[in-house]
Amino acid sequence: MMKPDLPREQIKKLLELPNVGKACVADLKLLGIEKPEQLIGSDPYRMYDELCRLTKTRHDPCVYDVFISAVRYMEGAPALPWWNYTSERKAHLLASQAPNKAKVK
C-alpha cells in the first residue's frame, strides 16, 4: 500500500508511512511503537520475531518486508513497495540460518 510521498519530517502518524495499513499499525503498536520516528534504528527482524512471540502466531513473511520498508524509509531510504525488500529478507534469513545448519548433522 503505497501512499503519496510526504516529506519524512511531516509524517506524524504510522498510517502515513508507505506500505503501512491499519493491521500493520496495530502490530507496531503492540510492539510499543506509537510514532514513526521510533522506527529509526529498529531491527525489523527482531520486530517480526517479537510480534510472533507476543501474538503466539507465525505471521506471513511479507510482514518482515513491510517492517523493513518502514524502518528503511524512516532512516532515509526512498519510499519503495514492500516487495522490493523480499530479496533482502530472504538473503538475511538464509544467512542467519547457515550457522545452525552447520551445527546440525
Protein backbone atom coordinates (compact mmCIF):
# COMPACT_ATOMS: atom_id res chain seq x y z
CA MET A 1 0.00 0.00 0.00
CA MET A 2 1.99 2.93 -1.30
CA LYS A 3 0.84 6.37 -0.27
CA PRO A 4 1.67 9.75 -1.73
CA ASP A 5 5.10 10.85 -0.64
CA LEU A 6 5.05 13.20 2.29
CA PRO A 7 8.31 14.69 3.41
CA ARG A 8 9.56 12.43 6.18
CA GLU A 9 9.53 15.27 8.69
CA GLN A 10 5.80 15.79 8.06
CA ILE A 11 4.89 12.18 8.84
CA LYS A 12 3.40 12.14 12.31
CA LYS A 13 1.21 9.02 12.17
CA LEU A 14 2.17 5.42 11.49
CA LEU A 15 -0.64 5.16 8.96
CA GLU A 16 1.05 7.85 6.86
CA LEU A 17 4.07 5.62 6.24
CA PRO A 18 4.40 3.93 2.84
CA ASN A 19 3.18 0.29 2.89
CA VAL A 20 1.67 0.60 6.38
CA GLY A 21 -2.04 -0.10 6.71
CA LYS A 22 -4.36 -0.46 9.69
CA ALA A 23 -3.30 -4.04 10.51
CA CYS A 24 0.37 -3.06 10.46
CA VAL A 25 -0.33 -0.05 12.68
CA ALA A 26 -1.94 -2.43 15.20
CA ASP A 27 1.12 -4.69 15.02
CA LEU A 28 3.50 -1.78 15.52
CA LYS A 29 1.52 -0.51 18.49
CA LEU A 30 1.60 -3.99 20.00
CA LEU A 31 5.39 -3.70 19.75
CA GLY A 32 5.26 -0.38 21.60
CA ILE A 33 5.83 1.77 18.53
CA GLU A 34 3.44 4.71 18.57
CA LYS A 35 5.29 7.23 16.39
CA PRO A 36 7.10 6.85 13.06
CA GLU A 37 10.38 8.22 14.44
CA GLN A 38 10.54 5.28 16.87
CA LEU A 39 11.32 3.08 13.87
CA ILE A 40 14.69 4.75 13.35
CA GLY A 41 17.38 2.32 14.47
CA SER A 42 14.91 -0.54 14.96
CA ASP A 43 15.71 -4.07 13.81
CA PRO A 44 12.83 -5.22 11.56
CA TYR A 45 13.80 -8.88 12.04
CA ARG A 46 13.63 -8.59 15.81
CA MET A 47 10.36 -6.69 15.47
CA TYR A 48 8.90 -9.59 13.49
CA ASP A 49 10.16 -12.17 15.98
CA GLU A 50 8.72 -10.16 18.88
CA LEU A 51 5.38 -9.80 17.10
CA CYS A 52 5.21 -13.56 16.59
CA ARG A 53 6.12 -14.14 20.25
CA LEU A 54 3.53 -11.69 21.54
CA THR A 55 0.72 -12.99 19.34
CA LYS A 56 1.79 -16.63 19.58
CA THR A 57 1.35 -16.74 15.81
CA ARG A 58 3.82 -17.08 12.96
CA HIS A 59 2.94 -14.15 10.71
CA ASP A 60 3.27 -14.10 6.94
CA PRO A 61 6.88 -13.41 5.91
CA CYS A 62 5.73 -10.32 4.00
CA VAL A 63 5.36 -8.67 7.43
CA TYR A 64 9.18 -8.71 7.57
CA ASP A 65 9.21 -6.83 4.26
CA VAL A 66 6.73 -4.20 5.47
CA PHE A 67 8.72 -3.70 8.67
CA ILE A 68 11.96 -3.41 6.66
CA SER A 69 10.38 -0.88 4.30
CA ALA A 70 9.04 1.24 7.17
CA VAL A 71 12.34 1.25 9.08
CA ARG A 72 14.41 1.97 5.96
CA TYR A 73 12.04 4.76 4.93
CA MET A 74 12.26 6.46 8.31
CA GLU A 75 16.04 6.09 8.17
CA GLY A 76 16.17 7.96 4.85
CA ALA A 77 15.57 5.41 2.07
CA PRO A 78 13.13 6.27 -0.70
CA ALA A 79 9.53 5.08 -0.45
CA LEU A 80 9.55 1.69 -2.19
CA PRO A 81 6.90 -1.02 -2.42
CA TRP A 82 7.33 -3.57 0.39
CA TRP A 83 8.12 -6.35 -2.09
CA ASN A 84 11.34 -4.57 -3.04
CA TYR A 85 12.67 -5.86 0.29
CA THR A 86 11.74 -9.52 -0.23
CA SER A 87 15.14 -10.50 -1.64
CA GLU A 88 16.89 -8.73 1.26
CA ARG A 89 14.73 -10.64 3.76
CA LYS A 90 15.34 -13.98 2.06
CA ALA A 91 19.11 -13.42 1.96
CA HIS A 92 19.18 -12.28 5.59
CA LEU A 93 17.16 -15.25 6.84
CA LEU A 94 19.22 -17.69 4.77
CA ALA A 95 22.45 -16.23 6.14
CA SER A 96 21.16 -16.29 9.71
CA GLN A 97 20.24 -19.97 9.41
CA ALA A 98 23.53 -21.05 7.83
CA PRO A 99 25.45 -21.47 11.13
CA ASN A 100 22.61 -23.52 12.59
CA LYS A 101 22.65 -25.90 9.62
CA ALA A 102 26.39 -26.43 10.04
CA LYS A 103 25.91 -27.48 13.68
CA VAL A 104 23.14 -30.00 12.96
CA LYS A 105 24.33 -33.27 11.47
